[in-house]
């Protein structure tokens, strides 16, 4: 049996297991829209923790982050990883329990737009509409990043054209998301979180051994100007769109400076967690609030190990294959390159399933949440309030197909850099929902008008800063999440103070939730 066939066989076995989970949960998931979109609030702490992190990290963890470390060294990748680890812990510590409590108190909300709308006792569902629209926009972009990952993975492994391989990946993700909903998604994400961390650790151990040990990897990194520097960044010398290579040695110029502004910009990634729907929904779905403490510990350990190993794999890749990947886009294939060269084909196939796991665990979340935003919040919440659960589920599946089709169009460019696509969508969610989530949970004076202003200002600023301000460079080259998050926070506070205080009933509900802490 050829090497390619063995890799394919291993991945088929993995995909069959994932589809089996979808089929197994299909009957439970289709009992009601509550079961389909939130699992009926029945999930335990291990499933909640592992599925939250797996759905959050996506193929970005195994391809995007190692690719950044391989291309320009540890500074960008490491500071981003530190920000994400801190953000993960704080989100579980500060937000999880109160959101679980408040979402149940606010009309037993099962989606994020529904929670925000019910929190402010909306009659005209303006908050719900704005939130649903932003979810549709940013999750379509997010889903596109996952399809790019699928396309790159299958194209690299099997030597097939990128676009057909991307479409195959999209079809697979759609199949089991349609089948099983949130329950299937969470159960399979639990399995995929295990596959992801095992795959990372196996490749790290074997790669380190092949490179001559940790010392050899570090020495190689130190030999590249700025590569192993937390306060500098390596600068590949480019010729005709690719890194110059002389006698098998990749060429680097003078290292760039990595100052405080760059560090703050990278660590701002951690702010995104406060507005990330796929993580926040897990807080709402756990069966008992008290179990979130255990979930927090599990999630934090998983994230710290996974992020650290992913960054190290990028550094190790430069030691083993210094000139194999000569563009930023190609650099994101370093995990694939290491796996296929270090492992027997059948085992490499299972490790490749780690990338597929990461991609699936995120794209199913993105598609499902986006579908719920349209079907539950717009279709039933605004246009057809008398719609039955069966009608809502039908509309959600049609929406899944539509969003997937748009995401495939966005993902047609095989030169897309996964890290770049994810960073924009991450900023969008973090700035649109993060400040409002914190203020809705912890500031009683937040008003409906303040909530609307915060979402519009945060989401709008992400586009404005990314497209108009950041290209100016210099001090303006700050990750768009940071200014957009602060602008949204300011808008909520100012507009809330300038508008009438919330009703006595809203304030009473807030006090009930706060005092149960």
Protein backbone atom coordinates (compact mmCIF):
# COMPACT_ATOMS: atom_id res chain seq x y z
CA UNK A 1 0.00 0.00 0.00
CA UNK A 2 1.44 3.38 -1.03
CA UNK A 3 2.27 6.07 1.53
CA UNK A 4 -0.46 8.36 0.21
CA UNK A 5 -3.04 5.59 0.38
CA UNK A 6 -2.13 4.81 3.99
CA UNK A 7 -2.48 8.48 4.97
CA UNK A 8 -5.84 8.63 3.19
CA UNK A 9 -7.03 5.45 4.91
CA UNK A 10 -6.21 6.83 8.36
CA UNK A 11 -8.03 10.07 7.64
CA UNK A 12 -11.08 8.22 6.25
CA UNK A 13 -11.28 6.18 9.45
CA UNK A 14 -11.15 9.37 11.47
CA UNK A 15 -13.83 11.07 9.37
CA UNK A 16 -16.04 8.00 9.68
CA UNK A 17 -15.81 8.25 13.47
CA UNK A 18 -16.81 11.91 13.37
CA UNK A 19 -19.80 11.21 11.11
CA UNK A 20 -20.77 8.37 13.45
CA UNK A 21 -20.96 10.87 16.31
CA UNK A 22 -23.24 13.08 14.21
CA UNK A 23 -25.56 10.18 13.46
CA UNK A 24 -25.60 9.07 17.09
CA UNK A 25 -26.69 12.49 18.31
CA UNK A 26 -29.05 13.29 15.46
CA UNK A 27 -32.21 12.04 17.22
CA UNK A 28 -31.51 13.91 20.46
CA UNK A 29 -30.49 17.05 18.60
CA UNK A 30 -33.67 17.22 16.54
CA UNK A 31 -36.07 17.11 19.49
CA UNK A 32 -36.16 20.90 19.65
CA UNK A 33 -34.26 24.01 18.63
CA UNK A 34 -33.03 24.27 22.24
CA UNK A 35 -31.44 20.82 21.95
CA UNK A 36 -30.08 21.54 18.46
CA UNK A 37 -28.50 24.92 19.25
CA UNK A 38 -27.47 24.52 22.94
CA UNK A 39 -27.73 20.82 23.78
CA UNK A 40 -30.48 21.44 26.35
CA UNK A 41 -27.90 22.68 28.91
CA UNK A 42 -26.89 19.10 29.69
CA UNK A 43 -23.14 18.99 29.05
CA UNK A 44 -20.52 18.11 31.66
CA UNK A 45 -17.32 20.00 32.62
CA UNK A 46 -14.84 17.96 30.53
CA UNK A 47 -16.90 18.19 27.35
CA UNK A 48 -17.55 21.91 27.90
CA UNK A 49 -13.87 22.70 28.50
CA UNK A 50 -12.38 20.62 25.70
CA UNK A 51 -15.03 21.49 23.11
CA UNK A 52 -14.76 25.20 23.92
CA UNK A 53 -11.02 25.23 23.29
CA UNK A 54 -11.11 22.94 20.26
CA UNK A 55 -13.83 25.02 18.60
CA UNK A 56 -11.87 28.17 19.43
CA UNK A 57 -8.42 27.17 18.19
CA UNK A 58 -9.25 25.71 14.73
CA UNK A 59 -6.62 24.84 12.11
CA UNK A 60 -4.97 28.09 13.11
CA UNK A 61 -3.37 26.26 16.07
CA UNK A 62 -1.69 23.57 13.95
CA UNK A 63 -1.01 25.60 10.81
CA UNK A 64 -1.31 29.35 11.36
CA UNK A 65 0.61 29.73 14.63
CA UNK A 66 3.51 27.37 13.76
CA UNK A 67 3.65 29.09 10.37
CA UNK A 68 4.19 32.51 11.96
CA UNK A 69 6.96 31.11 14.20
CA UNK A 70 8.63 29.39 11.24
CA UNK A 71 8.49 32.49 9.07
CA UNK A 72 9.71 35.29 11.34
CA UNK A 73 10.60 33.80 14.73
CA UNK A 74 9.07 33.59 18.15
CA UNK A 75 8.12 37.18 18.95
CA UNK A 76 4.83 37.47 17.03
CA UNK A 77 3.79 33.90 17.80
CA UNK A 78 4.85 33.84 21.45
CA UNK A 79 3.32 37.17 22.49
CA UNK A 80 0.09 36.22 20.72
CA UNK A 81 0.08 32.86 22.53
CA UNK A 82 0.68 34.55 25.90
CA UNK A 83 -2.21 36.94 25.27
CA UNK A 84 -4.50 34.05 24.32
CA UNK A 85 -3.56 32.00 27.38
CA UNK A 86 -4.22 34.92 29.75
CA UNK A 87 -7.46 35.75 27.94
CA UNK A 88 -8.65 32.15 28.18
CA UNK A 89 -8.12 32.01 31.93
CA UNK A 90 -9.74 35.39 32.62
CA UNK A 91 -12.76 34.62 30.46
CA UNK A 92 -13.45 31.38 32.32
CA UNK A 93 -12.78 33.08 35.68
CA UNK A 94 -14.79 36.28 35.18
CA UNK A 95 -17.49 35.61 32.62
CA UNK A 96 -18.45 31.93 32.65
CA UNK A 97 -20.49 31.55 35.84
CA UNK A 98 -22.36 34.82 35.63
CA UNK A 99 -23.23 34.30 31.96
CA UNK A 100 -24.54 30.78 32.71
CA UNK A 101 -26.73 32.25 35.43
CA UNK A 102 -27.84 35.38 33.56
CA UNK A 103 -28.63 33.62 30.27
CA UNK A 104 -31.06 31.35 32.11
CA UNK A 105 -32.58 34.28 34.00
CA UNK A 106 -32.92 36.30 30.79
CA UNK A 107 -35.73 34.24 29.29
CA UNK A 108 -33.64 31.04 29.10
CA UNK A 109 -31.69 32.47 26.16
CA UNK A 110 -30.02 29.86 23.95
CA UNK A 111 -28.11 32.17 21.57
CA UNK A 112 -25.89 35.18 22.17
CA UNK A 113 -28.15 37.68 20.34
CA UNK A 114 -31.12 36.36 22.31
CA UNK A 115 -29.26 36.84 25.59
CA UNK A 116 -28.36 40.46 24.78
CA UNK A 117 -31.90 41.22 23.63
CA UNK A 118 -33.54 39.62 26.66
CA UNK A 119 -31.04 41.23 29.03
CA UNK A 120 -32.31 44.68 28.01
CA UNK A 121 -36.00 43.64 27.67
CA UNK A 122 -36.25 44.61 24.03
CA UNK A 123 -39.62 44.93 22.35
CA UNK A 124 -38.18 46.02 19.03
CA UNK A 125 -35.40 43.51 18.51
CA UNK A 126 -32.72 45.97 17.43
CA UNK A 127 -29.91 44.49 19.57
CA UNK A 128 -30.84 41.00 18.43
CA UNK A 129 -30.79 42.06 14.76
CA UNK A 130 -27.44 43.86 14.97
CA UNK A 131 -25.85 40.99 16.88
CA UNK A 132 -27.18 38.40 14.42
CA UNK A 133 -25.92 40.37 11.41
CA UNK A 134 -22.41 40.74 12.87
CA UNK A 135 -22.35 37.02 13.68
CA UNK A 136 -23.31 36.16 10.10
CA UNK A 137 -20.61 38.44 8.67
CA UNK A 138 -17.71 37.46 10.90
CA UNK A 139 -18.50 33.75 11.11
CA UNK A 140 -18.66 33.54 7.33
CA UNK A 141 -15.12 34.97 7.27
CA UNK A 142 -14.11 32.57 10.04
CA UNK A 143 -15.57 29.59 8.17
CA UNK A 144 -13.58 30.65 5.11
CA UNK A 145 -10.34 30.38 7.12
CA UNK A 146 -11.26 26.80 8.04
CA UNK A 147 -11.93 25.91 4.41
CA UNK A 148 -8.55 27.38 3.43
CA UNK A 149 -7.02 25.03 6.01
CA UNK A 150 -8.85 22.02 4.53
CA UNK A 151 -7.81 22.98 1.03
CA UNK A 152 -4.14 23.42 1.95
CA UNK A 153 -4.09 20.18 3.93
CA UNK A 154 -5.60 17.93 1.27
CA UNK A 155 -3.78 19.66 -1.58
CA UNK A 156 -0.38 19.29 0.12
CA UNK A 157 -0.96 15.68 1.16
CA UNK A 158 -2.42 14.28 -2.02
CA UNK A 159 -0.99 16.58 -4.69
CA UNK A 160 -4.48 17.50 -5.84
CA UNK A 161 -5.70 20.96 -6.94
CA UNK A 162 -6.49 23.28 -4.06
CA UNK A 163 -10.06 24.29 -4.96
CA UNK A 164 -11.59 20.76 -5.31
CA UNK A 165 -9.92 19.74 -2.06
CA UNK A 166 -11.33 22.78 -0.28
CA UNK A 167 -14.82 21.92 -1.53
CA UNK A 168 -14.47 18.31 -0.31
CA UNK A 169 -13.58 19.59 3.16
CA UNK A 170 -16.57 21.94 3.16
CA UNK A 171 -18.94 19.13 2.17
CA UNK A 172 -17.71 16.93 5.01
CA UNK A 173 -18.09 19.65 7.64
CA UNK A 174 -21.60 20.46 6.41
CA UNK A 175 -22.68 16.82 6.49
CA UNK A 176 -22.20 16.18 10.16
CA UNK A 177 -23.08 19.71 11.34
CA UNK A 178 -26.48 19.33 9.66
CA UNK A 179 -26.91 15.89 11.20
CA UNK A 180 -26.21 16.45 14.87
CA UNK A 181 -26.17 20.12 15.83
CA UNK A 182 -24.62 21.35 19.08
CA UNK A 183 -24.57 17.95 20.83
CA UNK A 184 -22.69 16.25 18.01
CA UNK A 185 -20.44 19.26 17.67
CA UNK A 186 -19.53 19.31 21.37
CA UNK A 187 -19.02 15.54 21.64
CA UNK A 188 -16.83 15.39 18.55
CA UNK A 189 -14.95 18.52 19.64
CA UNK A 190 -14.08 16.75 22.89
CA UNK A 191 -12.51 13.92 20.88
CA UNK A 192 -10.85 16.37 18.51
CA UNK A 193 -9.29 18.36 21.35
CA UNK A 194 -7.56 15.16 22.45
CA UNK A 195 -6.44 14.38 18.90
CA UNK A 196 -5.06 17.91 18.47
CA UNK A 197 -2.94 17.96 21.61
CA UNK A 198 -1.64 14.41 21.06
CA UNK A 199 -0.71 15.26 17.45
CA UNK A 200 1.15 18.39 18.54
CA UNK A 201 3.10 16.59 21.26
CA UNK A 202 4.02 13.61 19.06
CA UNK A 203 5.40 15.84 16.31
CA UNK A 204 7.27 17.98 18.84
CA UNK A 205 8.99 14.99 20.48
CA UNK A 206 9.95 13.28 17.22
CA UNK A 207 11.03 16.53 15.58
CA UNK A 208 13.19 17.57 18.51
CA UNK A 209 14.91 14.20 18.47
CA UNK A 210 15.51 14.39 14.70
CA UNK A 211 16.95 17.90 15.06
CA UNK A 212 19.47 16.76 17.67
CA UNK A 213 17.68 17.84 20.82
CA UNK A 214 16.29 21.05 22.24
CA UNK A 215 19.74 22.61 22.41
CA UNK A 216 20.29 22.17 18.67
CA UNK A 217 16.89 23.68 17.89
CA UNK A 218 17.59 26.69 20.08
CA UNK A 219 21.10 27.20 18.68
CA UNK A 220 19.76 27.16 15.13
CA UNK A 221 17.11 29.72 16.06
CA UNK A 222 19.72 31.96 17.71
CA UNK A 223 21.84 31.87 14.56
CA UNK A 224 19.09 33.67 12.62
CA UNK A 225 19.06 37.44 13.32
CA UNK A 226 16.02 38.31 15.46
CA UNK A 227 14.49 34.83 15.22
CA UNK A 228 14.86 33.81 18.87
CA UNK A 229 14.26 37.26 20.33
CA UNK A 230 11.16 38.33 22.26
CA UNK A 231 11.98 41.97 21.46
CA UNK A 232 13.04 41.57 17.82
CA UNK A 233 11.71 39.90 14.70
CA UNK A 234 13.42 38.07 11.84
CA UNK A 235 13.16 39.61 8.37
CA UNK A 236 13.27 37.12 5.46
CA UNK A 237 14.99 38.52 2.35
CA UNK A 238 12.48 38.34 -0.49
CA UNK A 239 13.19 37.84 -4.20
CA UNK A 240 10.38 37.49 -6.75
CA UNK A 241 7.81 36.92 -4.03
CA UNK A 242 9.73 34.21 -2.16
CA UNK A 243 12.49 34.05 0.41
CA UNK A 244 15.96 34.05 -1.13
CA UNK A 245 17.93 30.82 -0.63
CA UNK A 246 21.70 30.63 -1.23
CA UNK A 247 23.38 27.19 -1.20
CA UNK A 248 20.43 25.78 0.71
CA UNK A 249 20.54 28.51 3.35
CA UNK A 250 17.52 30.86 3.67
CA UNK A 251 18.53 34.50 3.70
CA UNK A 252 17.53 36.97 6.42
CA UNK A 253 18.13 40.72 6.62
CA UNK A 254 18.66 42.91 9.65
CA UNK A 255 16.17 42.03 12.43
CA UNK A 256 13.25 44.33 13.01
CA UNK A 257 12.56 45.98 16.35
CA UNK A 258 9.75 44.55 18.46
CA UNK A 259 8.76 47.24 20.94
CA UNK A 260 6.12 47.67 23.61
CA UNK A 261 3.45 48.69 21.10
CA UNK A 262 3.94 45.47 19.13
CA UNK A 263 3.79 43.39 22.32
CA UNK A 264 0.58 45.07 23.49
CA UNK A 265 -0.87 44.64 20.01
CA UNK A 266 -0.21 40.88 20.03
CA UNK A 267 -1.37 40.34 23.59
CA UNK A 268 -4.61 42.15 22.72
CA UNK A 269 -5.65 38.85 21.11
CA UNK A 270 -6.66 37.81 24.63
CA UNK A 271 -9.41 40.46 24.67
CA UNK A 272 -11.18 38.57 21.92
CA UNK A 273 -12.31 35.81 24.25
CA UNK A 274 -14.84 38.03 26.00
CA UNK A 275 -16.81 38.26 22.76
CA UNK A 276 -16.25 34.86 21.16
CA UNK A 277 -19.67 33.20 20.61
CA UNK A 278 -18.36 29.63 20.24
CA UNK A 279 -16.76 29.84 23.70
CA UNK A 280 -19.51 31.85 25.41
CA UNK A 281 -22.15 29.35 24.28
CA UNK A 282 -20.28 26.62 26.15
CA UNK A 283 -20.63 28.62 29.35
CA UNK A 284 -24.38 28.76 28.75
CA UNK A 285 -24.64 25.04 27.94
CA UNK A 286 -23.08 23.43 31.03
CA UNK A 287 -25.51 21.50 33.21
CA UNK A 288 -24.38 22.96 36.55
CA UNK A 289 -22.80 26.37 37.19
CA UNK A 290 -20.51 25.01 39.90
CA UNK A 291 -18.85 22.66 37.38
CA UNK A 292 -17.38 25.62 35.51
CA UNK A 293 -14.50 25.79 38.02
CA UNK A 294 -13.28 22.38 36.92
CA UNK A 295 -13.84 23.33 33.27
CA UNK A 296 -11.67 26.42 33.74
CA UNK A 297 -8.74 24.36 35.03
CA UNK A 298 -9.02 21.81 32.24
CA UNK A 299 -9.30 24.48 29.54
CA UNK A 300 -6.36 26.52 30.86
CA UNK A 301 -4.00 23.53 31.02
CA UNK A 302 -5.00 22.44 27.49
CA UNK A 303 -4.46 25.91 26.06
CA UNK A 304 -1.07 26.52 27.70
CA UNK A 305 0.33 23.18 26.53
CA UNK A 306 -1.11 23.43 23.00
CA UNK A 307 -0.01 27.00 22.33
CA UNK A 308 3.51 26.44 23.69
CA UNK A 309 4.03 23.31 21.62
CA UNK A 310 2.63 24.95 18.46
CA UNK A 311 5.10 27.85 18.71
CA UNK A 312 8.01 25.47 19.36
CA UNK A 313 7.07 23.36 16.32
CA UNK A 314 7.48 26.41 14.08
CA UNK A 315 10.95 27.09 15.53
CA UNK A 316 11.88 23.42 15.21
CA UNK A 317 10.72 23.38 11.60
CA UNK A 318 13.38 25.98 10.71
CA UNK A 319 16.05 23.67 12.11
CA UNK A 320 14.91 20.59 10.18
CA UNK A 321 13.70 22.16 6.92
CA UNK A 322 15.26 25.63 6.80
CA UNK A 323 14.59 26.40 3.13
CA UNK A 324 11.59 24.21 2.32
CA UNK A 325 8.89 26.86 2.77
CA UNK A 326 9.68 30.20 1.17
CA UNK A 327 6.50 32.28 1.54
CA UNK A 328 4.38 33.23 4.54
CA UNK A 329 1.50 31.21 3.06
CA UNK A 330 3.67 28.11 2.47
CA UNK A 331 5.12 28.40 5.99
CA UNK A 332 1.72 27.39 7.35
CA UNK A 333 2.38 23.89 5.98
CA UNK A 334 5.29 23.29 8.38
CA UNK A 335 3.25 20.94 10.61
CA UNK A 336 2.26 18.86 7.56
CA UNK A 337 5.86 18.77 6.34
CA UNK A 338 7.15 17.59 9.71
CA UNK A 339 4.44 14.96 10.16
CA UNK A 340 4.83 13.36 6.75
CA UNK A 341 8.62 13.23 7.06
CA UNK A 342 8.91 12.06 10.66
CA UNK A 343 6.15 9.48 10.93
CA UNK A 344 5.21 6.24 9.17
CA UNK A 345 2.45 6.98 6.63
CA UNK A 346 -0.41 5.43 8.62
CA UNK A 347 0.54 7.32 11.79
CA UNK A 348 1.09 10.48 9.75
CA UNK A 349 -2.48 10.11 8.54
CA UNK A 350 -3.78 10.08 12.10
CA UNK A 351 -1.64 13.10 12.95
CA UNK A 352 -2.97 14.86 9.86
CA UNK A 353 -6.37 14.09 11.30
CA UNK A 354 -5.29 16.47 14.06
CA UNK A 355 -5.36 19.32 11.56
CA UNK A 356 -8.67 18.10 10.21
CA UNK A 357 -9.91 17.85 13.80
CA UNK A 358 -8.93 21.42 14.53
CA UNK A 359 -10.59 22.66 11.36
CA UNK A 360 -13.79 20.70 11.80
CA UNK A 361 -14.15 21.55 15.47
CA UNK A 362 -14.14 25.23 14.62
CA UNK A 363 -15.99 25.35 11.32
CA UNK A 364 -18.94 23.37 12.67
CA UNK A 365 -19.23 25.83 15.55
CA UNK A 366 -19.05 28.82 13.24
CA UNK A 367 -21.64 27.45 10.84
CA UNK A 368 -24.00 26.37 13.60
CA UNK A 369 -23.86 29.67 15.50
CA UNK A 370 -24.29 31.67 12.30
CA UNK A 371 -27.26 29.51 11.31
CA UNK A 372 -28.83 29.96 14.74
CA UNK A 373 -28.36 33.72 14.47
CA UNK A 374 -30.39 33.77 11.28
CA UNK A 375 -32.98 31.06 11.96
CA UNK A 376 -33.62 31.65 15.65
CA UNK A 377 -32.95 35.38 16.01
CA UNK A 378 -33.94 36.87 12.65
CA UNK A 379 -36.39 34.40 11.10
CA UNK A 380 -38.29 33.42 14.27
CA UNK A 381 -37.36 36.43 16.41
CA UNK A 382 -38.37 39.10 13.89
CA UNK A 383 -40.15 37.85 10.80
CA UNK A 384 -42.19 34.78 11.82
CA UNK A 385 -42.63 34.67 15.56
CA UNK A 386 -45.21 31.89 15.23
CA UNK A 387 -42.68 29.65 13.43
CA UNK A 388 -42.50 26.10 14.80
CA UNK A 389 -39.33 24.38 15.95
CA UNK A 390 -39.42 22.23 12.82
CA UNK A 391 -39.54 25.32 10.60
CA UNK A 392 -36.67 26.93 12.54
CA UNK A 393 -34.52 23.81 12.10
CA UNK A 394 -35.30 23.71 8.36
CA UNK A 395 -34.34 27.36 7.93
CA UNK A 396 -31.15 26.83 9.93
CA UNK A 397 -30.04 24.05 7.59
CA UNK A 398 -30.74 26.15 4.52
CA UNK A 399 -28.71 28.92 6.16
CA UNK A 400 -25.84 26.50 6.80
CA UNK A 401 -25.66 25.71 3.08
CA UNK A 402 -25.78 29.39 2.12
CA UNK A 403 -23.06 30.46 4.55
CA UNK A 404 -20.85 27.55 3.49
CA UNK A 405 -21.25 28.55 -0.16
CA UNK A 406 -20.21 32.16 0.56
CA UNK A 407 -17.28 30.95 2.68
CA UNK A 408 -16.11 28.75 -0.20
CA UNK A 409 -16.08 31.77 -2.51
CA UNK A 410 -13.95 33.70 0.02
CA UNK A 411 -11.62 30.69 0.37
CA UNK A 412 -10.96 30.29 -3.38
CA UNK A 413 -7.57 32.05 -3.10
CA UNK A 414 -5.07 29.35 -2.14
CA UNK A 415 -2.46 32.01 -1.26
CA UNK A 416 -4.62 33.19 1.63
CA UNK A 417 -2.78 33.28 4.96
CA UNK A 418 -4.89 31.55 7.62
CA UNK A 419 -3.43 33.64 10.44
CA UNK A 420 -4.50 36.88 8.70
CA UNK A 421 -8.06 35.75 8.01
CA UNK A 422 -8.55 34.50 11.57
CA UNK A 423 -7.09 37.66 13.12
CA UNK A 424 -9.66 39.86 11.38
CA UNK A 425 -12.68 37.74 12.33
CA UNK A 426 -11.33 37.38 15.89
CA UNK A 427 -11.06 41.16 16.18
CA UNK A 428 -14.59 41.52 14.85
CA UNK A 429 -16.14 39.33 17.52
CA UNK A 430 -13.92 40.59 20.31
CA UNK A 431 -14.75 44.25 19.68
CA UNK A 432 -18.43 43.80 18.78
CA UNK A 433 -19.45 41.58 21.70
CA UNK A 434 -16.61 41.60 24.25
CA UNK A 435 -17.16 45.02 25.85
CA UNK A 436 -20.93 44.55 25.81
CA UNK A 437 -20.64 41.12 27.40
CA UNK A 438 -18.55 42.49 30.28
CA UNK A 439 -20.74 45.55 30.81
CA UNK A 440 -24.01 43.61 30.57
CA UNK A 441 -22.80 41.22 33.27
CA UNK A 442 -21.08 43.66 35.63
CA UNK A 443 -22.48 47.20 35.17
CA UNK A 444 -26.11 47.66 36.15
CA UNK A 445 -26.25 51.14 34.56
CA UNK A 446 -25.70 49.77 31.03
CA UNK A 447 -28.64 50.79 28.85
CA UNK A 448 -30.14 49.39 25.64
CA UNK A 449 -28.92 52.46 23.73
CA UNK A 450 -25.44 51.96 25.17
CA UNK A 451 -25.48 48.33 24.07
CA UNK A 452 -26.45 49.27 20.51
CA UNK A 453 -23.79 51.99 20.36
CA UNK A 454 -21.12 49.63 21.70
CA UNK A 455 -21.79 46.93 19.10
CA UNK A 456 -21.94 49.35 16.17
CA UNK A 457 -18.84 51.28 17.26
CA UNK A 458 -16.83 48.15 18.00
CA UNK A 459 -17.72 46.28 14.83
CA UNK A 460 -17.40 49.37 12.66
CA UNK A 461 -14.03 50.34 14.12
CA UNK A 462 -12.59 46.92 13.27
CA UNK A 463 -13.22 47.57 9.57
CA UNK A 464 -12.12 51.22 9.74
CA UNK A 465 -8.87 50.52 11.61
CA UNK A 466 -7.98 47.49 9.48
CA UNK A 467 -8.65 49.14 6.12
CA UNK A 468 -7.92 52.83 6.69
CA UNK A 469 -5.70 53.34 9.75
CA UNK A 470 -3.41 50.33 10.08
CA UNK A 471 -2.01 50.65 6.52
CA UNK A 472 -0.47 53.99 7.60
CA UNK A 473 2.14 51.93 9.49
CA UNK A 474 4.37 53.07 12.32
CA UNK A 475 2.52 53.76 15.56
CA UNK A 476 -0.77 53.11 13.74
CA UNK A 477 0.14 49.51 12.99
CA UNK A 478 -1.75 48.18 16.01
CA UNK A 479 -3.93 45.08 15.86
CA UNK A 480 -7.43 46.40 15.18
CA UNK A 481 -8.96 44.53 18.13
CA UNK A 482 -7.31 46.81 20.71
CA UNK A 483 -8.56 50.24 19.50
CA UNK A 484 -11.94 48.81 18.49
CA UNK A 485 -12.43 47.15 21.91
CA UNK A 486 -11.59 50.38 23.75
CA UNK A 487 -13.80 52.45 21.42
CA UNK A 488 -16.74 50.09 21.99
CA UNK A 489 -16.23 50.21 25.75
CA UNK A 490 -16.16 54.01 25.70
CA UNK A 491 -19.31 54.15 23.56
CA UNK A 492 -21.22 51.91 25.97
CA UNK A 493 -20.26 54.00 29.00
CA UNK A 494 -20.87 57.42 27.43
CA UNK A 495 -24.18 56.57 25.75
CA UNK A 496 -25.47 54.72 28.84
CA UNK A 497 -24.74 57.74 31.04
CA UNK A 498 -26.44 60.08 28.55
CA UNK A 499 -29.62 58.00 28.32
CA UNK A 500 -32.25 57.16 30.96
CA UNK A 501 -31.32 54.47 33.47
CA UNK A 502 -32.64 50.92 32.91
CA UNK A 503 -36.08 50.09 34.28
CA UNK A 504 -36.56 48.90 37.84
CA UNK A 505 -37.29 45.38 36.56
CA UNK A 506 -34.02 45.19 34.63
CA UNK A 507 -32.09 46.45 37.65
CA UNK A 508 -33.84 43.90 39.87
CA UNK A 509 -32.92 41.05 37.54
CA UNK A 510 -29.30 42.25 37.54
CA UNK A 511 -29.24 42.27 41.35
CA UNK A 512 -30.73 38.78 41.52
CA UNK A 513 -28.02 37.41 39.26
CA UNK A 514 -25.22 39.31 41.01
CA UNK A 515 -26.31 38.28 44.50
CA UNK A 516 -26.40 34.58 43.60
CA UNK A 517 -22.66 34.67 43.01
